[in-house]
C-alpha cells in the first residue's frame, strides 16, 4: 500500500476536497478508482 500511495497523489487530500470520507481513502472502490483514475 505504501508504494501505491507514493506513486499516486495522497488519496487523503483528494478525499478532503471531494468530502467522500475516510472510507475511499483507505480502500477506494472501483467506482472511485475510475473517477480519480482520470485525474491520476
PDB file of N, CA and C in Angstrom:
ATOM      1  N   UNK A   1       0.840  -1.195   0.000  1.00  0.00           N
ATOM      2  CA  UNK A   1       0.000   0.000   0.000  1.00  0.00           C
ATOM      3  C   UNK A   1       0.879   1.250   0.000  1.00  0.00           C
ATOM      4  N   UNK A   2       2.034   1.162   0.652  1.00  0.00           N
ATOM      5  CA  UNK A   2       2.914   2.330   0.704  1.00  0.00           C
ATOM      6  C   UNK A   2       3.346   2.760  -0.684  1.00  0.00           C
ATOM      7  N   UNK A   3       3.750   1.781  -1.514  1.00  0.00           N
ATOM      8  CA  UNK A   3       4.209   2.115  -2.861  1.00  0.00           C
ATOM      9  C   UNK A   3       3.077   2.774  -3.652  1.00  0.00           C
ATOM     10  N   UNK A   4       1.871   2.251  -3.502  1.00  0.00           N
ATOM     11  CA  UNK A   4       0.730   2.798  -4.252  1.00  0.00           C
ATOM     12  C   UNK A   4       0.540   4.276  -3.897  1.00  0.00           C
ATOM     13  N   UNK A   5       0.668   4.599  -2.606  1.00  0.00           N
ATOM     14  CA  UNK A   5       0.476   5.983  -2.174  1.00  0.00           C
ATOM     15  C   UNK A   5       1.591   6.866  -2.727  1.00  0.00           C
ATOM     16  N   UNK A   6       2.812   6.325  -2.764  1.00  0.00           N
ATOM     17  CA  UNK A   6       3.937   7.121  -3.268  1.00  0.00           C
ATOM     18  C   UNK A   6       3.729   7.480  -4.734  1.00  0.00           C
ATOM     19  N   UNK A   7       3.282   6.518  -5.524  1.00  0.00           N
ATOM     20  CA  UNK A   7       3.110   6.769  -6.956  1.00  0.00           C
ATOM     21  C   UNK A   7       1.957   7.752  -7.191  1.00  0.00           C
ATOM     22  N   UNK A   8       0.839   7.520  -6.516  1.00  0.00           N
ATOM     23  CA  UNK A   8      -0.336   8.376  -6.728  1.00  0.00           C
ATOM     24  C   UNK A   8      -0.372   9.480  -5.674  1.00  0.00           C
ATOM     25  N   UNK A   9      -0.982  10.621  -5.989  1.00  0.00           N
ATOM     26  CA  UNK A   9      -1.127  11.702  -5.015  1.00  0.00           C
ATOM     27  C   UNK A   9      -1.874  11.204  -3.789  1.00  0.00           C
ATOM     28  N   UNK A  10      -1.544  11.744  -2.639  1.00  0.00           N
ATOM     29  CA  UNK A  10      -2.149  11.276  -1.392  1.00  0.00           C
ATOM     30  C   UNK A  10      -3.666  11.260  -1.511  1.00  0.00           C
ATOM     31  N   UNK A  11      -4.280  10.072  -1.414  1.00  0.00           N
ATOM     32  CA  UNK A  11      -5.741   9.977  -1.537  1.00  0.00           C
ATOM     33  C   UNK A  11      -6.456  10.731  -0.424  1.00  0.00           C
ATOM     34  N   UNK A  12      -5.744  10.973   0.690  1.00  0.00           N
ATOM     35  CA  UNK A  12      -6.379  11.657   1.821  1.00  0.00           C
ATOM     36  C   UNK A  12      -6.799  13.060   1.425  1.00  0.00           C
ATOM     37  N   UNK A  13      -5.905  13.821   0.813  1.00  0.00           N
ATOM     38  CA  UNK A  13      -6.249  15.207   0.466  1.00  0.00           C
ATOM     39  C   UNK A  13      -7.308  15.225  -0.633  1.00  0.00           C
ATOM     40  N   UNK A  14      -7.273  14.219  -1.518  1.00  0.00           N
ATOM     41  CA  UNK A  14      -8.303  14.139  -2.558  1.00  0.00           C
ATOM     42  C   UNK A  14      -9.663  13.940  -1.904  1.00  0.00           C
ATOM     43  N   UNK A  15      -9.692  13.105  -0.867  1.00  0.00           N
ATOM     44  CA  UNK A  15     -10.952  12.847  -0.174  1.00  0.00           C
ATOM     45  C   UNK A  15     -11.454  14.112   0.498  1.00  0.00           C
ATOM     46  N   UNK A  16     -10.544  14.877   1.093  1.00  0.00           N
ATOM     47  CA  UNK A  16     -10.970  16.098   1.787  1.00  0.00           C
ATOM     48  C   UNK A  16     -11.655  17.043   0.803  1.00  0.00           C
ATOM     49  N   UNK A  17     -11.100  17.179  -0.394  1.00  0.00           N
ATOM     50  CA  UNK A  17     -11.707  18.065  -1.390  1.00  0.00           C
ATOM     51  C   UNK A  17     -13.082  17.544  -1.806  1.00  0.00           C
ATOM     52  N   UNK A  18     -13.153  16.253  -2.082  1.00  0.00           N
ATOM     53  CA  UNK A  18     -14.419  15.660  -2.525  1.00  0.00           C
ATOM     54  C   UNK A  18     -15.390  15.501  -1.356  1.00  0.00           C
ATOM     55  N   UNK A  19     -14.846  15.375  -0.141  1.00  0.00           N
ATOM     56  CA  UNK A  19     -15.707  15.179   1.015  1.00  0.00           C
ATOM     57  C   UNK A  19     -16.309  13.789   1.025  1.00  0.00           C
ATOM     58  N   UNK A  20     -15.621  12.829   0.396  1.00  0.00           N
ATOM     59  CA  UNK A  20     -16.163  11.471   0.331  1.00  0.00           C
ATOM     60  C   UNK A  20     -16.109  10.816   1.708  1.00  0.00           C
ATOM     61  N   UNK A  21     -14.989  11.006   2.420  1.00  0.00           N
ATOM     62  CA  UNK A  21     -14.846  10.380   3.725  1.00  0.00           C
ATOM     63  C   UNK A  21     -13.616   9.496   3.760  1.00  0.00           C
ATOM     64  N   UNK A  22     -13.266   8.965   4.929  1.00  0.00           N
ATOM     65  CA  UNK A  22     -12.058   8.152   5.091  1.00  0.00           C
ATOM     66  C   UNK A  22     -12.178   6.787   4.415  1.00  0.00           C
ATOM     67  N   UNK A  23     -13.378   6.331   4.142  1.00  0.00           N
ATOM     68  CA  UNK A  23     -13.556   5.004   3.552  1.00  0.00           C
ATOM     69  C   UNK A  23     -12.844   4.886   2.203  1.00  0.00           C
ATOM     70  N   UNK A  24     -13.118   5.781   1.238  1.00  0.00           N
ATOM     71  CA  UNK A  24     -12.465   5.673  -0.076  1.00  0.00           C
ATOM     72  C   UNK A  24     -10.953   5.842   0.030  1.00  0.00           C
ATOM     73  N   UNK A  25     -10.499   6.644   0.996  1.00  0.00           N
ATOM     74  CA  UNK A  25      -9.057   6.878   1.122  1.00  0.00           C
ATOM     75  C   UNK A  25      -8.367   5.587   1.533  1.00  0.00           C
ATOM     76  N   UNK A  26      -8.988   4.832   2.443  1.00  0.00           N
ATOM     77  CA  UNK A  26      -8.388   3.581   2.897  1.00  0.00           C
ATOM     78  C   UNK A  26      -8.420   2.552   1.768  1.00  0.00           C
ATOM     79  N   UNK A  27      -9.596   2.276   1.252  1.00  0.00           N
ATOM     80  CA  UNK A  27      -9.729   1.328   0.135  1.00  0.00           C
ATOM     81  C   UNK A  27     -10.695   1.905  -0.892  1.00  0.00           C
ATOM     82  N   UNK A  28     -10.182   2.628  -1.888  1.00  0.00           N
ATOM     83  CA  UNK A  28     -11.051   3.247  -2.890  1.00  0.00           C
ATOM     84  C   UNK A  28     -11.831   2.209  -3.688  1.00  0.00           C
ATOM     85  N   UNK A  29     -13.170   2.279  -3.712  1.00  0.00           N
ATOM     86  CA  UNK A  29     -13.975   1.344  -4.505  1.00  0.00           C
ATOM     87  C   UNK A  29     -13.674   1.480  -5.985  1.00  0.00           C
ATOM     88  N   UNK A  30     -14.090   0.505  -6.777  1.00  0.00           N
ATOM     89  CA  UNK A  30     -13.792   0.539  -8.213  1.00  0.00           C
ATOM     90  C   UNK A  30     -14.353   1.813  -8.840  1.00  0.00           C
ATOM     91  N   UNK A  31     -15.529   2.214  -8.423  1.00  0.00           N
ATOM     92  CA  UNK A  31     -16.146   3.426  -8.990  1.00  0.00           C
ATOM     93  C   UNK A  31     -15.255   4.633  -8.712  1.00  0.00           C
ATOM     94  N   UNK A  32     -14.754   4.729  -7.478  1.00  0.00           N
ATOM     95  CA  UNK A  32     -13.899   5.867  -7.116  1.00  0.00           C
ATOM     96  C   UNK A  32     -12.606   5.810  -7.917  1.00  0.00           C
ATOM     97  N   UNK A  33     -12.060   4.604  -8.084  1.00  0.00           N
ATOM     98  CA  UNK A  33     -10.810   4.473  -8.836  1.00  0.00           C
ATOM     99  C   UNK A  33     -11.002   4.987 -10.258  1.00  0.00           C
ATOM    100  N   UNK A  34     -12.142   4.688 -10.866  1.00  0.00           N
ATOM    101  CA  UNK A  34     -12.386   5.146 -12.235  1.00  0.00           C
ATOM    102  C   UNK A  34     -12.449   6.668 -12.265  1.00  0.00           C
ATOM    103  N   UNK A  35     -13.186   7.263 -11.322  1.00  0.00           N
ATOM    104  CA  UNK A  35     -13.341   8.721 -11.300  1.00  0.00           C
ATOM    105  C   UNK A  35     -11.990   9.389 -11.049  1.00  0.00           C
ATOM    106  N   UNK A  36     -11.290   8.942 -10.003  1.00  0.00           N
ATOM    107  CA  UNK A  36      -9.998   9.546  -9.677  1.00  0.00           C
ATOM    108  C   UNK A  36      -8.931   9.090 -10.672  1.00  0.00           C
ATOM    109  N   UNK A  37      -9.142   7.951 -11.303  1.00  0.00           N
ATOM    110  CA  UNK A  37      -8.161   7.439 -12.267  1.00  0.00           C
ATOM    111  C   UNK A  37      -7.917   8.436 -13.382  1.00  0.00           C
ATOM    112  N   UNK A  38      -8.961   9.152 -13.775  1.00  0.00           N
ATOM    113  CA  UNK A  38      -8.800  10.137 -14.848  1.00  0.00           C
ATOM    114  C   UNK A  38      -7.857  11.243 -14.375  1.00  0.00           C
ATOM    115  N   UNK A  39      -7.966  11.620 -13.101  1.00  0.00           N
ATOM    116  CA  UNK A  39      -7.121  12.689 -12.559  1.00  0.00           C
ATOM    117  C   UNK A  39      -5.683  12.200 -12.412  1.00  0.00           C
ATOM    118  N   UNK A  40      -5.525  10.941 -11.995  1.00  0.00           N
ATOM    119  CA  UNK A  40      -4.171  10.415 -11.823  1.00  0.00           C
ATOM    120  C   UNK A  40      -3.456  10.415 -13.162  1.00  0.00           C
TER     121      UNK A  40
END
